[in-house]
N, C-alpha and C. Protein backbone atom coordinates (compact mmCIF):
# COMPACT_ATOMS: atom_id res chain seq x y z
N UNK A 1 77.67 6.73 40.31
CA UNK A 1 76.68 6.54 39.25
C UNK A 1 75.22 6.80 40.00
N UNK A 2 74.40 7.51 39.08
CA UNK A 2 73.15 7.73 39.69
C UNK A 2 72.10 6.81 39.55
N UNK A 3 71.15 6.58 40.29
CA UNK A 3 70.23 5.59 40.04
C UNK A 3 69.53 5.58 38.90
N UNK A 4 69.45 4.25 38.25
CA UNK A 4 68.65 4.18 37.02
C UNK A 4 67.06 4.51 37.55
N UNK A 5 66.50 5.51 36.61
CA UNK A 5 65.10 5.89 36.96
C UNK A 5 64.31 5.63 35.82
N UNK A 6 62.92 5.40 35.95
CA UNK A 6 62.05 5.19 35.11
C UNK A 6 61.88 6.64 34.18
N UNK A 7 61.32 6.37 32.95
CA UNK A 7 61.06 7.52 32.11
C UNK A 7 59.51 7.57 31.85
N UNK A 8 58.91 8.60 32.37
CA UNK A 8 57.50 8.77 32.25
C UNK A 8 57.15 8.83 30.58
N UNK A 9 55.97 8.26 30.52
CA UNK A 9 55.15 8.38 29.17
C UNK A 9 53.99 9.05 29.46
N UNK A 10 53.22 9.43 28.23
CA UNK A 10 52.02 9.90 28.34
C UNK A 10 51.06 9.36 29.18
N UNK A 11 51.15 7.95 29.02
CA UNK A 11 50.02 7.13 29.92
C UNK A 11 50.45 6.89 31.17
N UNK A 12 51.75 7.20 31.62
CA UNK A 12 52.12 7.11 33.11
C UNK A 12 52.42 8.34 33.75
N UNK A 13 52.41 9.53 32.92
CA UNK A 13 52.70 10.92 33.55
C UNK A 13 51.99 11.25 34.86
N UNK A 14 50.75 11.06 34.83
CA UNK A 14 49.76 11.18 36.04
C UNK A 14 50.31 10.72 37.14
N UNK A 15 50.88 9.40 37.14
CA UNK A 15 51.42 8.79 38.30
C UNK A 15 52.65 9.43 38.70
N UNK A 16 53.72 9.66 37.96
CA UNK A 16 54.84 10.35 38.38
C UNK A 16 54.54 11.85 38.74
N UNK A 17 53.64 12.47 38.37
CA UNK A 17 53.30 13.77 38.81
C UNK A 17 52.52 13.63 40.32
N UNK A 18 51.82 12.66 40.54
CA UNK A 18 51.41 12.37 41.81
C UNK A 18 52.42 12.03 42.90
N UNK A 19 53.46 11.17 42.45
CA UNK A 19 54.71 11.06 43.11
C UNK A 19 55.47 12.23 43.54
N UNK A 20 55.65 13.10 42.57
CA UNK A 20 56.27 14.33 43.02
C UNK A 20 55.48 15.25 43.84
N UNK A 21 54.23 15.15 43.91
CA UNK A 21 53.27 15.78 44.95
C UNK A 21 52.91 15.17 46.18
N UNK A 22 53.79 13.86 46.28
CA UNK A 22 53.63 13.16 47.49
C UNK A 22 52.28 12.45 47.60
N UNK A 23 51.69 11.87 46.39
CA UNK A 23 50.49 11.16 46.33
C UNK A 23 50.68 10.11 45.48
N UNK A 24 50.13 8.85 46.06
CA UNK A 24 50.25 7.62 45.37
C UNK A 24 48.73 7.61 44.34
N UNK A 25 49.02 7.53 43.11
CA UNK A 25 47.78 7.73 42.30
C UNK A 25 47.59 6.51 41.68
N UNK A 26 46.35 5.87 41.60
CA UNK A 26 46.09 4.67 41.11
C UNK A 26 44.92 4.94 39.88
N UNK A 27 44.64 4.01 39.27
CA UNK A 27 43.36 4.24 38.28
C UNK A 27 42.39 3.04 38.50
N UNK A 28 41.15 3.67 38.34
CA UNK A 28 39.88 2.70 38.51
C UNK A 28 39.07 2.78 37.31
N UNK A 29 38.54 1.63 36.75
CA UNK A 29 37.65 1.66 35.72
C UNK A 29 36.25 2.00 36.15
N UNK A 30 35.70 2.94 35.61
CA UNK A 30 34.33 3.43 35.90
C UNK A 30 33.16 2.44 35.37
N UNK A 31 33.58 1.60 34.55
CA UNK A 31 32.55 0.49 33.94
C UNK A 31 32.40 -0.69 34.74
N UNK A 32 33.83 -1.12 35.35
CA UNK A 32 33.67 -2.43 36.17
C UNK A 32 34.16 -2.14 37.63
N UNK A 33 34.45 -1.00 37.80
CA UNK A 33 35.05 -0.74 39.21
C UNK A 33 36.51 -1.30 39.64
N UNK A 34 36.98 -1.99 38.66
CA UNK A 34 38.40 -2.57 38.98
C UNK A 34 39.57 -1.50 39.08
N UNK A 35 40.29 -1.75 40.11
CA UNK A 35 41.40 -0.73 40.42
C UNK A 35 42.79 -1.52 40.02
N UNK A 36 43.74 -0.60 39.37
CA UNK A 36 44.84 -1.51 38.98
C UNK A 36 46.08 -0.61 38.85
N UNK A 37 47.11 -1.34 38.64
CA UNK A 37 48.43 -0.70 38.58
C UNK A 37 49.15 -1.83 37.84
N UNK A 38 50.20 -1.27 36.99
CA UNK A 38 50.58 -0.15 36.66
C UNK A 38 49.60 0.64 35.74
N UNK A 39 49.84 2.02 35.58
CA UNK A 39 48.88 2.94 34.69
C UNK A 39 48.96 2.25 33.28
N UNK A 40 47.69 2.56 32.68
CA UNK A 40 47.37 2.23 31.36
C UNK A 40 46.18 2.76 30.97
N UNK A 41 45.89 3.14 29.76
CA UNK A 41 44.68 3.96 29.35
C UNK A 41 43.61 3.14 29.24
N UNK A 42 43.63 1.82 29.52
CA UNK A 42 42.35 1.00 29.61
C UNK A 42 42.33 0.01 30.82
N UNK A 43 41.20 -0.49 31.13
CA UNK A 43 40.97 -1.47 32.05
C UNK A 43 41.49 -2.68 31.88
N UNK A 44 42.48 -3.43 32.37
CA UNK A 44 42.96 -4.86 32.16
C UNK A 44 41.97 -5.77 32.41
N UNK A 45 40.81 -5.58 32.98
CA UNK A 45 39.80 -6.49 33.46
C UNK A 45 38.64 -6.59 32.17
N UNK A 46 38.27 -5.42 31.81
CA UNK A 46 37.20 -5.39 30.80
C UNK A 46 37.51 -4.61 29.58
N UNK A 47 38.74 -3.98 29.49
CA UNK A 47 39.12 -3.45 28.28
C UNK A 47 38.54 -2.05 28.20
N UNK A 48 37.78 -1.60 29.05
CA UNK A 48 37.13 -0.23 28.83
C UNK A 48 38.06 0.78 29.15
N UNK A 49 37.75 1.91 28.18
CA UNK A 49 38.63 3.16 28.34
C UNK A 49 38.16 4.25 29.15
N UNK A 50 36.92 3.86 29.98
CA UNK A 50 36.32 4.78 30.92
C UNK A 50 36.99 4.53 32.11
N UNK A 51 38.25 5.19 32.40
CA UNK A 51 39.08 4.93 33.57
C UNK A 51 39.20 6.43 34.14
N UNK A 52 39.25 6.30 35.65
CA UNK A 52 39.78 7.58 36.37
C UNK A 52 40.82 7.33 37.24
N UNK A 53 41.28 8.60 37.67
CA UNK A 53 42.50 8.44 38.37
C UNK A 53 42.13 8.83 39.72
N UNK A 54 42.78 8.40 40.77
CA UNK A 54 42.51 8.78 42.11
C UNK A 54 43.36 8.81 43.10
N UNK A 55 43.52 9.40 44.03
CA UNK A 55 44.53 9.31 45.20
C UNK A 55 44.29 7.84 46.21
N UNK A 56 45.26 7.18 46.03
CA UNK A 56 45.24 6.04 46.97
C UNK A 56 45.55 6.37 48.49
N UNK A 57 45.27 5.42 49.23
CA UNK A 57 45.44 5.63 50.76
C UNK A 57 46.96 5.80 50.90
N UNK A 58 47.73 5.02 50.36
CA UNK A 58 49.25 4.61 50.67
C UNK A 58 49.65 3.58 51.57
N UNK A 59 48.60 2.93 52.03
CA UNK A 59 48.64 1.71 53.00
C UNK A 59 48.53 0.44 52.12
N UNK A 60 49.50 -0.39 52.62
CA UNK A 60 49.50 -1.65 52.11
C UNK A 60 50.12 -2.69 52.87
N UNK A 61 50.35 -3.86 52.45
CA UNK A 61 50.83 -5.01 53.47
C UNK A 61 52.02 -5.51 52.53
N UNK A 62 53.24 -5.85 53.06
CA UNK A 62 54.09 -6.64 52.63
C UNK A 62 53.67 -7.97 51.97
N UNK A 63 53.82 -8.10 50.80
CA UNK A 63 53.32 -9.49 50.33
C UNK A 63 54.58 -10.47 49.89
N UNK A 64 55.38 -9.96 49.34
CA UNK A 64 56.66 -10.65 49.17
C UNK A 64 57.98 -9.91 49.04
N UNK A 65 58.99 -10.50 49.20
CA UNK A 65 60.45 -9.72 49.16
C UNK A 65 61.57 -10.67 48.89
N UNK A 66 62.55 -10.11 48.36
CA UNK A 66 63.95 -10.61 48.37
C UNK A 66 65.10 -9.58 48.77
N UNK A 67 65.91 -10.14 49.47
CA UNK A 67 67.08 -9.07 49.97
C UNK A 67 68.25 -9.34 49.06
N UNK A 68 68.34 -8.16 48.27
CA UNK A 68 69.57 -8.21 47.32
C UNK A 68 70.74 -7.81 48.06
N UNK A 69 71.84 -8.83 48.13
CA UNK A 69 73.11 -8.46 48.65
C UNK A 69 74.34 -8.27 47.82
N UNK A 70 74.02 -8.31 46.50
CA UNK A 70 74.77 -7.99 45.36
C UNK A 70 75.07 -6.46 45.30
N UNK A 71 76.05 -5.84 45.38
CA UNK A 71 76.18 -4.52 45.13
C UNK A 71 76.02 -4.13 43.68
N UNK A 72 75.20 -2.97 43.73
CA UNK A 72 74.96 -2.52 42.32
C UNK A 72 75.38 -0.96 42.27
N UNK A 73 76.24 -0.46 41.45
CA UNK A 73 76.67 0.90 41.51
C UNK A 73 75.52 2.04 41.68
N UNK A 74 74.47 1.75 41.22
CA UNK A 74 73.40 2.83 41.58
C UNK A 74 72.51 2.60 42.71
N UNK A 75 72.67 1.43 43.38
CA UNK A 75 71.95 1.24 44.56
C UNK A 75 72.97 1.15 46.00
N UNK A 76 74.20 1.46 45.75
CA UNK A 76 75.20 1.38 46.99
C UNK A 76 75.49 -0.08 47.20
N UNK A 77 76.20 -0.25 48.30
CA UNK A 77 76.93 -1.30 48.66
C UNK A 77 76.27 -2.24 49.78
N UNK A 78 74.96 -1.80 50.25
CA UNK A 78 74.34 -2.33 51.51
C UNK A 78 73.34 -3.29 50.78
N UNK A 79 72.90 -4.20 51.50
CA UNK A 79 71.81 -5.03 51.10
C UNK A 79 70.61 -4.10 51.17
N UNK A 80 69.60 -4.50 50.15
CA UNK A 80 68.16 -3.85 50.19
C UNK A 80 67.15 -4.79 49.70
N UNK A 81 66.03 -4.41 50.20
CA UNK A 81 64.76 -5.31 50.01
C UNK A 81 64.22 -4.91 48.61
N UNK A 82 63.87 -5.80 47.68
CA UNK A 82 63.07 -5.56 46.49
C UNK A 82 61.79 -6.35 46.78
N UNK A 83 60.69 -5.40 47.04
CA UNK A 83 59.55 -6.06 47.53
C UNK A 83 58.15 -5.83 46.64
N UNK A 84 57.22 -6.64 46.83
CA UNK A 84 55.99 -6.54 46.29
C UNK A 84 55.05 -6.26 47.44
N UNK A 85 54.07 -5.08 47.53
CA UNK A 85 53.19 -4.77 48.33
C UNK A 85 51.94 -4.97 47.83
N UNK A 86 50.96 -5.32 48.68
CA UNK A 86 49.44 -5.45 48.31
C UNK A 86 48.99 -4.20 48.85
N UNK A 87 48.58 -3.22 47.85
CA UNK A 87 47.87 -1.99 48.26
C UNK A 87 46.57 -2.15 48.91
N UNK A 88 46.07 -1.46 49.70
CA UNK A 88 44.84 -1.54 50.46
C UNK A 88 43.75 -1.52 49.37
N UNK A 89 43.92 -0.67 48.26
CA UNK A 89 42.87 -0.75 47.09
C UNK A 89 43.10 -1.93 46.27
N UNK A 90 44.10 -2.87 46.61
CA UNK A 90 44.06 -3.97 45.68
C UNK A 90 45.02 -4.48 44.81
N UNK A 91 45.52 -3.52 44.00
CA UNK A 91 46.72 -4.08 43.29
C UNK A 91 47.87 -4.09 43.95
N UNK A 92 48.81 -5.00 43.40
CA UNK A 92 50.19 -5.24 43.96
C UNK A 92 51.22 -4.30 43.18
N UNK A 93 52.15 -3.80 43.92
CA UNK A 93 53.34 -2.88 43.25
C UNK A 93 54.61 -3.52 43.82
N UNK A 94 55.41 -3.34 42.94
CA UNK A 94 56.92 -3.64 43.26
C UNK A 94 57.56 -2.35 43.62
N UNK A 95 58.42 -2.52 44.75
CA UNK A 95 58.87 -1.22 45.37
C UNK A 95 60.10 -1.71 45.99
N UNK A 96 60.67 -0.83 47.03
CA UNK A 96 61.62 -1.00 47.93
C UNK A 96 61.26 -0.85 49.26
N UNK A 97 61.60 -1.64 50.21
CA UNK A 97 61.17 -1.27 51.67
C UNK A 97 62.49 -0.54 52.34
N UNK A 98 61.93 0.59 53.05
CA UNK A 98 62.98 1.38 53.60
C UNK A 98 62.66 1.64 55.21
N UNK A 99 63.57 2.34 55.79
CA UNK A 99 62.94 2.58 57.12
C UNK A 99 63.16 1.39 58.34
N UNK A 100 63.75 0.41 57.85
CA UNK A 100 63.96 -0.77 58.89
C UNK A 100 65.26 -1.60 58.30
N UNK A 101 65.68 -2.44 59.13
CA UNK A 101 66.83 -3.19 58.85
C UNK A 101 66.32 -4.27 57.74
N UNK A 102 67.17 -4.36 56.74
CA UNK A 102 66.97 -5.30 55.66
C UNK A 102 67.38 -6.71 56.01
N UNK A 103 66.59 -7.33 56.83
CA UNK A 103 66.72 -8.56 57.26
C UNK A 103 65.42 -9.30 57.44
N UNK A 104 65.53 -10.75 57.35
CA UNK A 104 64.35 -11.49 57.53
C UNK A 104 63.47 -11.14 58.75
N UNK A 105 64.12 -10.80 59.83
CA UNK A 105 63.56 -10.50 61.17
C UNK A 105 62.67 -9.43 61.17
N UNK A 106 63.32 -8.23 60.28
CA UNK A 106 62.46 -7.04 60.25
C UNK A 106 61.42 -7.03 59.20
N UNK A 107 61.67 -7.70 58.15
CA UNK A 107 60.99 -7.74 56.93
C UNK A 107 59.82 -9.19 57.12
N UNK A 108 58.72 -8.72 57.86
CA UNK A 108 57.76 -9.99 58.13
C UNK A 108 56.71 -9.77 57.11
N UNK A 109 56.24 -10.98 56.48
CA UNK A 109 55.26 -11.06 55.55
C UNK A 109 53.97 -10.56 56.23
N UNK A 110 53.23 -9.76 55.33
CA UNK A 110 52.04 -9.39 55.78
C UNK A 110 52.00 -8.12 56.72
N UNK A 111 53.16 -7.83 57.11
CA UNK A 111 53.31 -6.47 57.89
C UNK A 111 52.78 -5.29 57.12
N UNK A 112 52.00 -4.36 57.89
CA UNK A 112 51.50 -3.01 57.48
C UNK A 112 52.63 -2.19 57.12
N UNK A 113 52.46 -1.60 55.93
CA UNK A 113 53.53 -0.76 55.40
C UNK A 113 52.97 0.54 54.80
N UNK A 114 53.51 1.57 54.66
CA UNK A 114 52.94 2.75 54.05
C UNK A 114 53.83 3.44 53.25
N UNK A 115 53.37 4.17 52.24
CA UNK A 115 54.18 4.92 51.13
C UNK A 115 55.00 5.96 51.70
N UNK A 116 56.03 6.13 51.17
CA UNK A 116 56.99 7.52 51.24
C UNK A 116 57.67 7.68 50.03
N UNK A 117 57.93 8.89 49.80
CA UNK A 117 58.51 9.17 48.39
C UNK A 117 59.85 9.64 48.59
N UNK A 118 60.64 9.31 47.57
CA UNK A 118 62.16 9.88 47.64
C UNK A 118 62.33 10.56 46.43
N UNK A 119 62.84 11.73 46.36
CA UNK A 119 63.05 12.38 45.19
C UNK A 119 64.54 12.29 44.72
N UNK A 120 64.49 11.82 43.29
CA UNK A 120 65.96 11.87 42.60
C UNK A 120 66.05 13.01 41.64
N UNK A 121 65.52 14.10 41.77
CA UNK A 121 65.66 15.14 40.94
C UNK A 121 64.49 15.18 40.16
N UNK A 122 64.53 14.64 38.87
CA UNK A 122 63.36 14.90 37.98
C UNK A 122 62.10 13.85 38.23
N UNK A 123 62.63 12.76 39.11
CA UNK A 123 61.59 11.75 39.55
C UNK A 123 61.51 11.49 40.99
N UNK A 124 60.37 11.25 41.51
CA UNK A 124 60.00 10.64 43.00
C UNK A 124 59.69 9.35 42.85
N UNK A 125 60.33 8.38 43.58
CA UNK A 125 59.90 6.88 43.69
C UNK A 125 59.12 6.80 44.87
N UNK A 126 57.97 6.13 44.57
CA UNK A 126 57.39 5.58 45.76
C UNK A 126 57.90 4.54 46.41
N UNK A 127 58.28 4.42 47.56
CA UNK A 127 58.99 3.47 48.59
C UNK A 127 57.96 3.21 49.62
N UNK A 128 58.13 2.00 50.39
CA UNK A 128 57.39 1.85 51.48
C UNK A 128 58.18 1.62 52.54
N UNK A 129 57.57 1.83 53.80
CA UNK A 129 58.34 1.65 55.05
C UNK A 129 57.14 0.91 56.17
N UNK A 130 57.79 0.61 57.13
CA UNK A 130 56.91 0.04 58.00
C UNK A 130 55.89 0.97 58.61
N UNK A 131 54.67 0.72 58.63
CA UNK A 131 53.41 1.62 59.03
C UNK A 131 53.92 2.31 60.45
N UNK A 132 53.74 3.68 60.49
CA UNK A 132 53.88 4.24 61.77
C UNK A 132 55.50 4.89 61.84
N UNK A 133 56.12 4.30 60.63
CA UNK A 133 57.66 4.72 60.43
C UNK A 133 58.52 4.09 61.12
N UNK A 134 58.31 3.28 62.00
CA UNK A 134 59.06 2.35 62.78
C UNK A 134 59.02 0.70 62.46
N UNK A 135 60.23 0.25 62.72
CA UNK A 135 60.16 -1.11 62.49
C UNK A 135 59.46 -2.06 63.54
N UNK A 136 59.00 -2.97 63.29
CA UNK A 136 58.21 -3.83 64.21
C UNK A 136 59.00 -4.85 64.79
């Protein structure tokens, strides 16, 4: 079974186009400077529609995670981390952690991580790995 993938909408297309280009794109309100995720056509802080899209640094810290040990046909039969990362720009994002053992010893809260992209044909997903590409 293929991995279940998100379906882009007109409001999120810029985000998915960025992922395909190897860029993590966020939105910022030009009225109040709030940076937010997920994408939407208005600022969740002040409701302004004066928003801009910008390329994020791709750097984050591991905020929280759970290791899923239950096999899922589209995710394989090995444990994998479902995580929330705190992006350097402020927002939090749900993702998967790759590039290191999927154990509590390797997945240390607040460890620096960086974005990497995995293509699944029509969609590229932003995943995160330990900063520098090596487990700490």
